[in-house]
PDB file of N, CA and C in Angstrom:
ATOM      1  N   MET A   1     -62.537  45.260  68.924  1.00  0.00           N
ATOM      2  CA  MET A   1     -61.726  46.195  68.177  1.00  0.00           C
ATOM      3  C   MET A   1     -60.685  45.411  67.401  1.00  0.00           C
ATOM      4  N   ALA A   2     -60.521  45.727  66.152  1.00  0.00           N
ATOM      5  CA  ALA A   2     -59.581  45.020  65.306  1.00  0.00           C
ATOM      6  C   ALA A   2     -58.156  45.468  65.616  1.00  0.00           C
ATOM      7  N   ARG A   3     -57.245  44.572  65.341  1.00  0.00           N
ATOM      8  CA  ARG A   3     -55.838  44.901  65.551  1.00  0.00           C
ATOM      9  C   ARG A   3     -55.354  45.818  64.457  1.00  0.00           C
ATOM     10  N   LYS A   4     -54.301  46.540  64.741  1.00  0.00           N
ATOM     11  CA  LYS A   4     -53.734  47.423  63.740  1.00  0.00           C
ATOM     12  C   LYS A   4     -53.094  46.590  62.639  1.00  0.00           C
ATOM     13  N   LYS A   5     -53.193  47.101  61.436  1.00  0.00           N
ATOM     14  CA  LYS A   5     -52.586  46.414  60.303  1.00  0.00           C
ATOM     15  C   LYS A   5     -51.068  46.375  60.501  1.00  0.00           C
ATOM     16  N   GLY A   6     -50.509  45.206  60.308  1.00  0.00           N
ATOM     17  CA  GLY A   6     -49.065  45.051  60.435  1.00  0.00           C
ATOM     18  C   GLY A   6     -48.581  44.803  61.853  1.00  0.00           C
ATOM     19  N   SER A   7     -49.491  44.641  62.814  1.00  0.00           N
ATOM     20  CA  SER A   7     -49.052  44.383  64.180  1.00  0.00           C
ATOM     21  C   SER A   7     -48.464  42.974  64.266  1.00  0.00           C
ATOM     22  N   THR A   8     -47.552  42.800  65.193  1.00  0.00           N
ATOM     23  CA  THR A   8     -46.819  41.552  65.300  1.00  0.00           C
ATOM     24  C   THR A   8     -47.005  40.940  66.674  1.00  0.00           C
ATOM     25  N   ASP A   9     -47.186  39.628  66.712  1.00  0.00           N
ATOM     26  CA  ASP A   9     -47.177  38.887  67.968  1.00  0.00           C
ATOM     27  C   ASP A   9     -45.774  38.330  68.150  1.00  0.00           C
ATOM     28  N   TYR A  10     -45.153  38.695  69.242  1.00  0.00           N
ATOM     29  CA  TYR A  10     -43.790  38.218  69.500  1.00  0.00           C
ATOM     30  C   TYR A  10     -43.836  36.980  70.380  1.00  0.00           C
ATOM     31  N   PRO A  11     -42.983  36.011  70.098  1.00  0.00           N
ATOM     32  CA  PRO A  11     -42.962  34.798  70.920  1.00  0.00           C
ATOM     33  C   PRO A  11     -42.444  35.094  72.324  1.00  0.00           C
ATOM     34  N   LEU A  12     -42.750  34.201  73.239  1.00  0.00           N
ATOM     35  CA  LEU A  12     -42.334  34.352  74.631  1.00  0.00           C
ATOM     36  C   LEU A  12     -40.813  34.482  74.743  1.00  0.00           C
ATOM     37  N   GLU A  13     -40.089  33.753  73.917  1.00  0.00           N
ATOM     38  CA  GLU A  13     -38.622  33.795  73.968  1.00  0.00           C
ATOM     39  C   GLU A  13     -38.100  35.207  73.696  1.00  0.00           C
ATOM     40  N   THR A  14     -38.707  35.899  72.748  1.00  0.00           N
ATOM     41  CA  THR A  14     -38.286  37.267  72.424  1.00  0.00           C
ATOM     42  C   THR A  14     -38.550  38.193  73.605  1.00  0.00           C
ATOM     43  N   LYS A  15     -39.696  38.036  74.243  1.00  0.00           N
ATOM     44  CA  LYS A  15     -40.038  38.866  75.392  1.00  0.00           C
ATOM     45  C   LYS A  15     -39.055  38.636  76.542  1.00  0.00           C
ATOM     46  N   LEU A  16     -38.755  37.364  76.797  1.00  0.00           N
ATOM     47  CA  LEU A  16     -37.824  37.049  77.884  1.00  0.00           C
ATOM     48  C   LEU A  16     -36.415  37.542  77.567  1.00  0.00           C
ATOM     49  N   GLU A  17     -36.032  37.468  76.304  1.00  0.00           N
ATOM     50  CA  GLU A  17     -34.718  37.970  75.909  1.00  0.00           C
ATOM     51  C   GLU A  17     -34.651  39.480  76.101  1.00  0.00           C
ATOM     52  N   ALA A  18     -35.714  40.183  75.769  1.00  0.00           N
ATOM     53  CA  ALA A  18     -35.750  41.636  75.972  1.00  0.00           C
ATOM     54  C   ALA A  18     -35.600  41.972  77.453  1.00  0.00           C
ATOM     55  N   ILE A  19     -36.270  41.222  78.296  1.00  0.00           N
ATOM     56  CA  ILE A  19     -36.180  41.456  79.741  1.00  0.00           C
ATOM     57  C   ILE A  19     -34.767  41.151  80.242  1.00  0.00           C
ATOM     58  N   ARG A  20     -34.189  40.075  79.728  1.00  0.00           N
ATOM     59  CA  ARG A  20     -32.814  39.729  80.110  1.00  0.00           C
ATOM     60  C   ARG A  20     -31.835  40.825  79.694  1.00  0.00           C
ATOM     61  N   LEU A  21     -32.000  41.346  78.486  1.00  0.00           N
ATOM     62  CA  LEU A  21     -31.113  42.410  78.007  1.00  0.00           C
ATOM     63  C   LEU A  21     -31.223  43.656  78.873  1.00  0.00           C
ATOM     64  N   TRP A  22     -32.412  43.942  79.378  1.00  0.00           N
ATOM     65  CA  TRP A  22     -32.616  45.103  80.243  1.00  0.00           C
ATOM     66  C   TRP A  22     -32.006  44.865  81.617  1.00  0.00           C
ATOM     67  N   GLU A  23     -32.341  43.711  82.221  1.00  0.00           N
ATOM     68  CA  GLU A  23     -31.933  43.463  83.600  1.00  0.00           C
ATOM     69  C   GLU A  23     -30.471  43.059  83.727  1.00  0.00           C
ATOM     70  N   VAL A  24     -29.994  42.181  82.865  1.00  0.00           N
ATOM     71  CA  VAL A  24     -28.638  41.640  83.009  1.00  0.00           C
ATOM     72  C   VAL A  24     -27.602  42.526  82.310  1.00  0.00           C
ATOM     73  N   GLU A  25     -27.888  42.865  81.052  1.00  0.00           N
ATOM     74  CA  GLU A  25     -26.898  43.622  80.286  1.00  0.00           C
ATOM     75  C   GLU A  25     -27.066  45.135  80.420  1.00  0.00           C
ATOM     76  N   GLY A  26     -28.193  45.573  80.969  1.00  0.00           N
ATOM     77  CA  GLY A  26     -28.391  47.001  81.199  1.00  0.00           C
ATOM     78  C   GLY A  26     -28.594  47.821  79.939  1.00  0.00           C
ATOM     79  N   LEU A  27     -29.092  47.205  78.868  1.00  0.00           N
ATOM     80  CA  LEU A  27     -29.317  47.949  77.640  1.00  0.00           C
ATOM     81  C   LEU A  27     -30.562  48.831  77.771  1.00  0.00           C
ATOM     82  N   SER A  28     -30.580  49.896  76.993  1.00  0.00           N
ATOM     83  CA  SER A  28     -31.751  50.773  76.992  1.00  0.00           C
ATOM     84  C   SER A  28     -32.847  50.145  76.139  1.00  0.00           C
ATOM     85  N   TYR A  29     -34.065  50.679  76.290  1.00  0.00           N
ATOM     86  CA  TYR A  29     -35.175  50.162  75.491  1.00  0.00           C
ATOM     87  C   TYR A  29     -34.891  50.339  74.001  1.00  0.00           C
ATOM     88  N   LYS A  30     -34.289  51.449  73.648  1.00  0.00           N
ATOM     89  CA  LYS A  30     -33.975  51.722  72.248  1.00  0.00           C
ATOM     90  C   LYS A  30     -32.982  50.689  71.702  1.00  0.00           C
ATOM     91  N   GLU A  31     -31.974  50.357  72.491  1.00  0.00           N
ATOM     92  CA  GLU A  31     -30.984  49.358  72.072  1.00  0.00           C
ATOM     93  C   GLU A  31     -31.620  47.969  71.962  1.00  0.00           C
ATOM     94  N   ILE A  32     -32.513  47.667  72.881  1.00  0.00           N
ATOM     95  CA  ILE A  32     -33.183  46.360  72.862  1.00  0.00           C
ATOM     96  C   ILE A  32     -34.059  46.233  71.631  1.00  0.00           C
ATOM     97  N   THR A  33     -34.844  47.270  71.338  1.00  0.00           N
ATOM     98  CA  THR A  33     -35.715  47.195  70.159  1.00  0.00           C
ATOM     99  C   THR A  33     -34.901  47.082  68.879  1.00  0.00           C
ATOM    100  N   ALA A  34     -33.762  47.739  68.819  1.00  0.00           N
ATOM    101  CA  ALA A  34     -32.909  47.648  67.628  1.00  0.00           C
ATOM    102  C   ALA A  34     -32.309  46.248  67.502  1.00  0.00           C
ATOM    103  N   ARG A  35     -31.819  45.701  68.606  1.00  0.00           N
ATOM    104  CA  ARG A  35     -31.172  44.392  68.568  1.00  0.00           C
ATOM    105  C   ARG A  35     -32.163  43.272  68.238  1.00  0.00           C
ATOM    106  N   LEU A  36     -33.374  43.340  68.807  1.00  0.00           N
ATOM    107  CA  LEU A  36     -34.361  42.279  68.602  1.00  0.00           C
ATOM    108  C   LEU A  36     -35.333  42.578  67.464  1.00  0.00           C
ATOM    109  N   GLU A  37     -35.116  43.705  66.780  1.00  0.00           N
ATOM    110  CA  GLU A  37     -35.960  44.111  65.650  1.00  0.00           C
ATOM    111  C   GLU A  37     -37.433  44.206  66.045  1.00  0.00           C
ATOM    112  N   ILE A  38     -37.666  44.916  67.133  1.00  0.00           N
ATOM    113  CA  ILE A  38     -39.019  45.168  67.613  1.00  0.00           C
ATOM    114  C   ILE A  38     -39.380  46.575  67.163  1.00  0.00           C
ATOM    115  N   ARG A  39     -40.553  46.710  66.561  1.00  0.00           N
ATOM    116  CA  ARG A  39     -40.946  48.001  65.988  1.00  0.00           C
ATOM    117  C   ARG A  39     -41.224  49.081  67.030  1.00  0.00           C
ATOM    118  N   ASP A  40     -41.912  48.713  68.093  1.00  0.00           N
ATOM    119  CA  ASP A  40     -42.431  49.692  69.042  1.00  0.00           C
ATOM    120  C   ASP A  40     -41.587  49.729  70.310  1.00  0.00           C
ATOM    121  N   LEU A  41     -41.059  50.905  70.604  1.00  0.00           N
ATOM    122  CA  LEU A  41     -40.232  51.092  71.796  1.00  0.00           C
ATOM    123  C   LEU A  41     -41.036  50.855  73.070  1.00  0.00           C
ATOM    124  N   GLU A  42     -42.319  51.256  73.063  1.00  0.00           N
ATOM    125  CA  GLU A  42     -43.165  51.093  74.245  1.00  0.00           C
ATOM    126  C   GLU A  42     -43.472  49.635  74.556  1.00  0.00           C
ATOM    127  N   ARG A  43     -43.404  48.804  73.545  1.00  0.00           N
ATOM    128  CA  ARG A  43     -43.752  47.402  73.741  1.00  0.00           C
ATOM    129  C   ARG A  43     -42.837  46.752  74.768  1.00  0.00           C
ATOM    130  N   VAL A  44     -41.548  47.012  74.701  1.00  0.00           N
ATOM    131  CA  VAL A  44     -40.593  46.447  75.664  1.00  0.00           C
ATOM    132  C   VAL A  44     -40.898  46.972  77.061  1.00  0.00           C
ATOM    133  N   TRP A  45     -41.249  48.256  77.158  1.00  0.00           N
ATOM    134  CA  TRP A  45     -41.598  48.838  78.451  1.00  0.00           C
ATOM    135  C   TRP A  45     -42.826  48.135  79.029  1.00  0.00           C
ATOM    136  N   LYS A  46     -43.829  47.855  78.179  1.00  0.00           N
ATOM    137  CA  LYS A  46     -45.031  47.160  78.633  1.00  0.00           C
ATOM    138  C   LYS A  46     -44.711  45.745  79.085  1.00  0.00           C
ATOM    139  N   TRP A  47     -43.825  45.062  78.366  1.00  0.00           N
ATOM    140  CA  TRP A  47     -43.422  43.711  78.763  1.00  0.00           C
ATOM    141  C   TRP A  47     -42.755  43.742  80.137  1.00  0.00           C
ATOM    142  N   MET A  48     -41.899  44.741  80.339  1.00  0.00           N
ATOM    143  CA  MET A  48     -41.214  44.861  81.635  1.00  0.00           C
ATOM    144  C   MET A  48     -42.229  45.082  82.758  1.00  0.00           C
ATOM    145  N   ARG A  49     -43.181  45.966  82.529  1.00  0.00           N
ATOM    146  CA  ARG A  49     -44.193  46.253  83.543  1.00  0.00           C
ATOM    147  C   ARG A  49     -45.007  44.995  83.864  1.00  0.00           C
ATOM    148  N   THR A  50     -45.424  44.265  82.829  1.00  0.00           N
ATOM    149  CA  THR A  50     -46.193  43.031  83.019  1.00  0.00           C
ATOM    150  C   THR A  50     -45.356  41.983  83.734  1.00  0.00           C
ATOM    151  N   TYR A  51     -44.094  41.874  83.368  1.00  0.00           N
ATOM    152  CA  TYR A  51     -43.193  40.895  83.987  1.00  0.00           C
ATOM    153  C   TYR A  51     -43.012  41.190  85.475  1.00  0.00           C
ATOM    154  N   ARG A  52     -42.891  42.445  85.823  1.00  0.00           N
ATOM    155  CA  ARG A  52     -42.724  42.809  87.236  1.00  0.00           C
ATOM    156  C   ARG A  52     -43.984  42.512  88.050  1.00  0.00           C
ATOM    157  N   LYS A  53     -45.155  42.733  87.441  1.00  0.00           N
ATOM    158  CA  LYS A  53     -46.420  42.501  88.146  1.00  0.00           C
ATOM    159  C   LYS A  53     -46.778  41.026  88.235  1.00  0.00           C
ATOM    160  N   GLU A  54     -46.656  40.297  87.105  1.00  0.00           N
ATOM    161  CA  GLU A  54     -47.200  38.946  87.017  1.00  0.00           C
ATOM    162  C   GLU A  54     -46.177  37.855  86.749  1.00  0.00           C
ATOM    163  N   GLY A  55     -44.954  38.238  86.526  1.00  0.00           N
ATOM    164  CA  GLY A  55     -43.933  37.246  86.237  1.00  0.00           C
ATOM    165  C   GLY A  55     -44.043  36.728  84.804  1.00  0.00           C
ATOM    166  N   GLN A  56     -43.365  35.628  84.551  1.00  0.00           N
ATOM    167  CA  GLN A  56     -43.325  35.050  83.212  1.00  0.00           C
ATOM    168  C   GLN A  56     -44.716  34.645  82.716  1.00  0.00           C
ATOM    169  N   ALA A  57     -45.585  34.217  83.614  1.00  0.00           N
ATOM    170  CA  ALA A  57     -46.932  33.800  83.224  1.00  0.00           C
ATOM    171  C   ALA A  57     -47.704  34.951  82.587  1.00  0.00           C
ATOM    172  N   GLY A  58     -47.459  36.171  83.013  1.00  0.00           N
ATOM    173  CA  GLY A  58     -48.149  37.323  82.448  1.00  0.00           C
ATOM    174  C   GLY A  58     -47.784  37.591  81.005  1.00  0.00           C
ATOM    175  N   LEU A  59     -46.601  37.148  80.608  1.00  0.00           N
ATOM    176  CA  LEU A  59     -46.154  37.377  79.236  1.00  0.00           C
ATOM    177  C   LEU A  59     -46.730  36.372  78.249  1.00  0.00           C
ATOM    178  N   LYS A  60     -47.259  35.276  78.745  1.00  0.00           N
ATOM    179  CA  LYS A  60     -47.788  34.270  77.819  1.00  0.00           C
ATOM    180  C   LYS A  60     -49.297  34.116  77.956  1.00  0.00           C
ATOM    181  N   LYS A  61     -49.954  35.226  78.288  1.00  0.00           N
ATOM    182  CA  LYS A  61     -51.404  35.210  78.379  1.00  0.00           C
ATOM    183  C   LYS A  61     -51.995  34.938  76.998  1.00  0.00           C
ATOM    184  N   PRO A  62     -53.102  34.224  76.967  1.00  0.00           N
ATOM    185  CA  PRO A  62     -53.744  34.008  75.669  1.00  0.00           C
ATOM    186  C   PRO A  62     -54.325  35.309  75.142  1.00  0.00           C
ATOM    187  N   ARG A  63     -54.527  35.365  73.847  1.00  0.00           N
ATOM    188  CA  ARG A  63     -55.104  36.558  73.242  1.00  0.00           C
ATOM    189  C   ARG A  63     -56.510  36.767  73.747  1.00  0.00           C
ATOM    190  N   ARG A  64     -56.865  38.019  73.917  1.00  0.00           N
ATOM    191  CA  ARG A  64     -58.209  38.349  74.378  1.00  0.00           C
ATOM    192  C   ARG A  64     -59.166  38.347  73.202  1.00  0.00           C
ATOM    193  N   GLY A  65     -60.436  38.296  73.543  1.00  0.00           N
ATOM    194  CA  GLY A  65     -61.455  38.367  72.512  1.00  0.00           C
ATOM    195  C   GLY A  65     -62.088  37.020  72.242  1.00  0.00           C
ATOM    196  N   ARG A  66     -63.001  37.033  71.347  1.00  0.00           N
ATOM    197  CA  ARG A  66     -63.742  35.827  70.996  1.00  0.00           C
ATOM    198  C   ARG A  66     -62.842  34.879  70.206  1.00  0.00           C
ATOM    199  N   PRO A  67     -62.839  33.603  70.571  1.00  0.00           N
ATOM    200  CA  PRO A  67     -62.028  32.659  69.806  1.00  0.00           C
ATOM    201  C   PRO A  67     -62.595  32.491  68.405  1.00  0.00           C
ATOM    202  N   LYS A  68     -61.725  32.196  67.483  1.00  0.00           N
ATOM    203  CA  LYS A  68     -62.165  32.018  66.102  1.00  0.00           C
ATOM    204  C   LYS A  68     -63.014  30.767  65.990  1.00  0.00           C
ATOM    205  N   LYS A  69     -64.040  30.864  65.151  1.00  0.00           N
ATOM    206  CA  LYS A  69     -64.926  29.729  64.936  1.00  0.00           C
ATOM    207  C   LYS A  69     -64.411  28.896  63.770  1.00  0.00           C
ATOM    208  N   ASP A  70     -64.591  27.595  63.899  1.00  0.00           N
ATOM    209  CA  ASP A  70     -64.296  26.707  62.787  1.00  0.00           C
ATOM    210  C   ASP A  70     -65.582  26.568  61.996  1.00  0.00           C
ATOM    211  N   ARG A  71     -65.732  27.395  61.002  1.00  0.00           N
ATOM    212  CA  ARG A  71     -66.983  27.443  60.253  1.00  0.00           C
ATOM    213  C   ARG A  71     -67.199  26.209  59.391  1.00  0.00           C
ATOM    214  N   ASN A  72     -66.191  25.407  59.218  1.00  0.00           N
ATOM    215  CA  ASN A  72     -66.317  24.207  58.397  1.00  0.00           C
ATOM    216  C   ASN A  72     -66.616  22.965  59.234  1.00  0.00           C
ATOM    217  N   SER A  73     -66.776  23.155  60.529  1.00  0.00           N
ATOM    218  CA  SER A  73     -67.003  22.034  61.418  1.00  0.00           C
ATOM    219  C   SER A  73     -68.368  21.397  61.141  1.00  0.00           C
ATOM    220  N   LEU A  74     -68.378  20.102  61.005  1.00  0.00           N
ATOM    221  CA  LEU A  74     -69.617  19.377  60.742  1.00  0.00           C
ATOM    222  C   LEU A  74     -70.600  19.528  61.894  1.00  0.00           C
ATOM    223  N   GLU A  75     -70.096  19.484  63.119  1.00  0.00           N
ATOM    224  CA  GLU A  75     -70.966  19.621  64.281  1.00  0.00           C
ATOM    225  C   GLU A  75     -71.633  20.990  64.304  1.00  0.00           C
ATOM    226  N   GLU A  76     -70.868  22.030  63.969  1.00  0.00           N
ATOM    227  CA  GLU A  76     -71.436  23.374  63.942  1.00  0.00           C
ATOM    228  C   GLU A  76     -72.507  23.482  62.867  1.00  0.00           C
ATOM    229  N   ARG A  77     -72.277  22.862  61.737  1.00  0.00           N
ATOM    230  CA  ARG A  77     -73.255  22.910  60.644  1.00  0.00           C
ATOM    231  C   ARG A  77     -74.546  22.186  61.040  1.00  0.00           C
ATOM    232  N   VAL A  78     -74.407  21.035  61.707  1.00  0.00           N
ATOM    233  CA  VAL A  78     -75.585  20.283  62.154  1.00  0.00           C
ATOM    234  C   VAL A  78     -76.375  21.118  63.159  1.00  0.00           C
ATOM    235  N   LYS A  79     -75.693  21.760  64.108  1.00  0.00           N
ATOM    236  CA  LYS A  79     -76.379  22.606  65.096  1.00  0.00           C
ATOM    237  C   LYS A  79     -77.138  23.739  64.405  1.00  0.00           C
ATOM    238  N   GLN A  80     -76.492  24.346  63.421  1.00  0.00           N
ATOM    239  CA  GLN A  80     -77.122  25.440  62.692  1.00  0.00           C
ATOM    240  C   GLN A  80     -78.388  24.960  61.980  1.00  0.00           C
ATOM    241  N   LEU A  81     -78.306  23.818  61.305  1.00  0.00           N
ATOM    242  CA  LEU A  81     -79.461  23.286  60.578  1.00  0.00           C
ATOM    243  C   LEU A  81     -80.585  22.869  61.532  1.00  0.00           C
ATOM    244  N   GLU A  82     -80.233  22.290  62.677  1.00  0.00           N
ATOM    245  CA  GLU A  82     -81.253  21.914  63.661  1.00  0.00           C
ATOM    246  C   GLU A  82     -81.978  23.147  64.190  1.00  0.00           C
ATOM    247  N   MET A  83     -81.225  24.219  64.415  1.00  0.00           N
ATOM    248  CA  MET A  83     -81.836  25.450  64.889  1.00  0.00           C
ATOM    249  C   MET A  83     -82.781  26.016  63.818  1.00  0.00           C
ATOM    250  N   GLU A  84     -82.330  26.014  62.572  1.00  0.00           N
ATOM    251  CA  GLU A  84     -83.184  26.508  61.493  1.00  0.00           C
ATOM    252  C   GLU A  84     -84.453  25.675  61.373  1.00  0.00           C
ATOM    253  N   ASN A  85     -84.334  24.362  61.479  1.00  0.00           N
ATOM    254  CA  ASN A  85     -85.507  23.487  61.403  1.00  0.00           C
ATOM    255  C   ASN A  85     -86.490  23.778  62.535  1.00  0.00           C
ATOM    256  N   ALA A  86     -85.978  23.949  63.735  1.00  0.00           N
ATOM    257  CA  ALA A  86     -86.848  24.239  64.873  1.00  0.00           C
ATOM    258  C   ALA A  86     -87.590  25.558  64.663  1.00  0.00           C
ATOM    259  N   LEU A  87     -86.890  26.566  64.140  1.00  0.00           N
ATOM    260  CA  LEU A  87     -87.534  27.851  63.880  1.00  0.00           C
ATOM    261  C   LEU A  87     -88.603  27.727  62.800  1.00  0.00           C
ATOM    262  N   LEU A  88     -88.306  26.980  61.752  1.00  0.00           N
ATOM    263  CA  LEU A  88     -89.286  26.794  60.678  1.00  0.00           C
ATOM    264  C   LEU A  88     -90.512  26.034  61.164  1.00  0.00           C
ATOM    265  N   LYS A  89     -90.303  25.006  62.000  1.00  0.00           N
ATOM    266  CA  LYS A  89     -91.434  24.260  62.559  1.00  0.00           C
ATOM    267  C   LYS A  89     -92.307  25.179  63.409  1.00  0.00           C
ATOM    268  N   ALA A  90     -91.678  25.983  64.254  1.00  0.00           N
ATOM    269  CA  ALA A  90     -92.417  26.893  65.125  1.00  0.00           C
ATOM    270  C   ALA A  90     -93.192  27.914  64.298  1.00  0.00           C
ATOM    271  N   LEU A  91     -92.577  28.422  63.247  1.00  0.00           N
ATOM    272  CA  LEU A  91     -93.247  29.386  62.394  1.00  0.00           C
ATOM    273  C   LEU A  91     -94.450  28.760  61.686  1.00  0.00           C
ATOM    274  N   ALA A  92     -94.267  27.547  61.194  1.00  0.00           N
ATOM    275  CA  ALA A  92     -95.360  26.865  60.513  1.00  0.00           C
ATOM    276  C   ALA A  92     -96.520  26.621  61.471  1.00  0.00           C
ATOM    277  N   ILE A  93     -96.242  26.220  62.680  1.00  0.00           N
ATOM    278  CA  ILE A  93     -97.283  25.995  63.683  1.00  0.00           C
ATOM    279  C   ILE A  93     -97.979  27.307  64.010  1.00  0.00           C
ATOM    280  N   GLU A  94     -97.198  28.366  64.156  1.00  0.00           N
ATOM    281  CA  GLU A  94     -97.753  29.689  64.469  1.00  0.00           C
ATOM    282  C   GLU A  94     -98.689  30.169  63.367  1.00  0.00           C
ATOM    283  N   LEU A  95     -98.325  29.914  62.122  1.00  0.00           N
ATOM    284  CA  LEU A  95     -99.137  30.351  60.992  1.00  0.00           C
ATOM    285  C   LEU A  95    -100.287  29.391  60.699  1.00  0.00           C
ATOM    286  N   GLY A  96    -100.302  28.267  61.390  1.00  0.00           N
ATOM    287  CA  GLY A  96    -101.368  27.292  61.208  1.00  0.00           C
ATOM    288  C   GLY A  96    -101.250  26.499  59.920  1.00  0.00           C
ATOM    289  N   GLU A  97    -100.049  26.442  59.387  1.00  0.00           N
ATOM    290  CA  GLU A  97     -99.846  25.683  58.152  1.00  0.00           C
ATOM    291  C   GLU A  97     -99.652  24.215  58.472  1.00  0.00           C
ATOM    292  N   GLU A  98    -100.039  23.389  57.517  1.00  0.00           N
ATOM    293  CA  GLU A  98     -99.812  21.953  57.689  1.00  0.00           C
ATOM    294  C   GLU A  98     -98.354  21.648  57.388  1.00  0.00           C
ATOM    295  N   LEU A  99     -97.792  20.823  58.238  1.00  0.00           N
ATOM    296  CA  LEU A  99     -96.409  20.414  58.019  1.00  0.00           C
ATOM    297  C   LEU A  99     -96.390  19.242  57.056  1.00  0.00           C
ATOM    298  N   PRO A 100     -95.332  19.098  56.291  1.00  0.00           N
ATOM    299  CA  PRO A 100     -95.228  17.950  55.388  1.00  0.00           C
ATOM    300  C   PRO A 100     -95.362  16.642  56.159  1.00  0.00           C
ATOM    301  N   GLU A 101     -95.905  15.652  55.509  1.00  0.00           N
ATOM    302  CA  GLU A 101     -96.122  14.357  56.142  1.00  0.00           C
ATOM    303  C   GLU A 101     -94.789  13.761  56.596  1.00  0.00           C
ATOM    304  N   GLY A 102     -94.783  13.202  57.783  1.00  0.00           N
ATOM    305  CA  GLY A 102     -93.569  12.584  58.322  1.00  0.00           C
ATOM    306  C   GLY A 102     -92.685  13.555  59.082  1.00  0.00           C
ATOM    307  N   LEU A 103     -93.041  14.839  59.078  1.00  0.00           N
ATOM    308  CA  LEU A 103     -92.249  15.825  59.800  1.00  0.00           C
ATOM    309  C   LEU A 103     -92.766  15.901  61.227  1.00  0.00           C
ATOM    310  N   ASP A 104     -91.947  15.474  62.150  1.00  0.00           N
ATOM    311  CA  ASP A 104     -92.327  15.432  63.555  1.00  0.00           C
ATOM    312  C   ASP A 104     -92.246  16.831  64.140  1.00  0.00           C
ATOM    313  N   THR A 105     -93.259  17.245  64.874  1.00  0.00           N
ATOM    314  CA  THR A 105     -93.237  18.557  65.508  1.00  0.00           C
ATOM    315  C   THR A 105     -92.772  18.489  66.954  1.00  0.00           C
ATOM    316  N   GLY A 106     -92.490  17.302  67.435  1.00  0.00           N
ATOM    317  CA  GLY A 106     -92.030  17.131  68.814  1.00  0.00           C
ATOM    318  C   GLY A 106     -90.574  17.511  68.936  1.00  0.00           C
ATOM    319  N   PRO A 107     -90.009  17.320  70.121  1.00  0.00           N
ATOM    320  CA  PRO A 107     -88.592  17.651  70.305  1.00  0.00           C
ATOM    321  C   PRO A 107     -87.722  16.790  69.409  1.00  0.00           C
ATOM    322  N   SER A 108     -86.702  17.414  68.861  1.00  0.00           N
ATOM    323  CA  SER A 108     -85.830  16.667  67.954  1.00  0.00           C
ATOM    324  C   SER A 108     -84.903  15.758  68.755  1.00  0.00           C
ATOM    325  N   THR A 109     -84.411  14.728  68.109  1.00  0.00           N
ATOM    326  CA  THR A 109     -83.462  13.813  68.732  1.00  0.00           C
ATOM    327  C   THR A 109     -82.213  13.770  67.882  1.00  0.00           C
ATOM    328  N   ASP A 110     -81.092  13.556  68.540  1.00  0.00           N
ATOM    329  CA  ASP A 110     -79.861  13.464  67.768  1.00  0.00           C
ATOM    330  C   ASP A 110     -79.706  12.054  67.226  1.00  0.00           C
ATOM    331  N   THR A 111     -78.620  11.795  66.542  1.00  0.00           N
ATOM    332  CA  THR A 111     -78.421  10.505  65.889  1.00  0.00           C
ATOM    333  C   THR A 111     -78.296   9.353  66.879  1.00  0.00           C
ATOM    334  N   GLU A 112     -78.048   9.665  68.151  1.00  0.00           N
ATOM    335  CA  GLU A 112     -77.917   8.628  69.165  1.00  0.00           C
ATOM    336  C   GLU A 112     -79.211   8.442  69.953  1.00  0.00           C
ATOM    337  N   GLY A 113     -80.271   9.162  69.550  1.00  0.00           N
ATOM    338  CA  GLY A 113     -81.561   9.002  70.224  1.00  0.00           C
ATOM    339  C   GLY A 113     -81.742   9.834  71.457  1.00  0.00           C
ATOM    340  N   ASN A 114     -80.868  10.785  71.710  1.00  0.00           N
ATOM    341  CA  ASN A 114     -80.968  11.655  72.885  1.00  0.00           C
ATOM    342  C   ASN A 114     -81.889  12.820  72.580  1.00  0.00           C
ATOM    343  N   SER A 115     -82.895  13.043  73.419  1.00  0.00           N
ATOM    344  CA  SER A 115     -83.791  14.187  73.243  1.00  0.00           C
ATOM    345  C   SER A 115     -83.125  15.447  73.726  1.00  0.00           C
ATOM    346  N   GLU A 116     -83.524  16.562  73.125  1.00  0.00           N
ATOM    347  CA  GLU A 116     -82.983  17.847  73.560  1.00  0.00           C
ATOM    348  C   GLU A 116     -83.856  18.443  74.630  1.00  0.00           C
TER     349      GLU A 116
END
């Protein structure tokens, strides 16, 4: 599920400051959101609940979901091309077509000579 447009990730320091303002200074959630310029009143309440359950470690959990891919990575591109080559070789064999001369149909090897 995509994030809402305009949503903000707050740093750990802001979260801890909000908790400090609640516990030490006794400010209300509304006062805390105004002072720290936090858009959502419920967000501070959620931070407090997480802090009580899991402590400070709960506030710095990594983002959920699939990590972003580095689509420009050379290694990723090589893996993609090797997979495409293997599929094309298998298809050619299945169709009974002759492979171009010098094209090995055996297991591929990487640049260091390691078989897959």
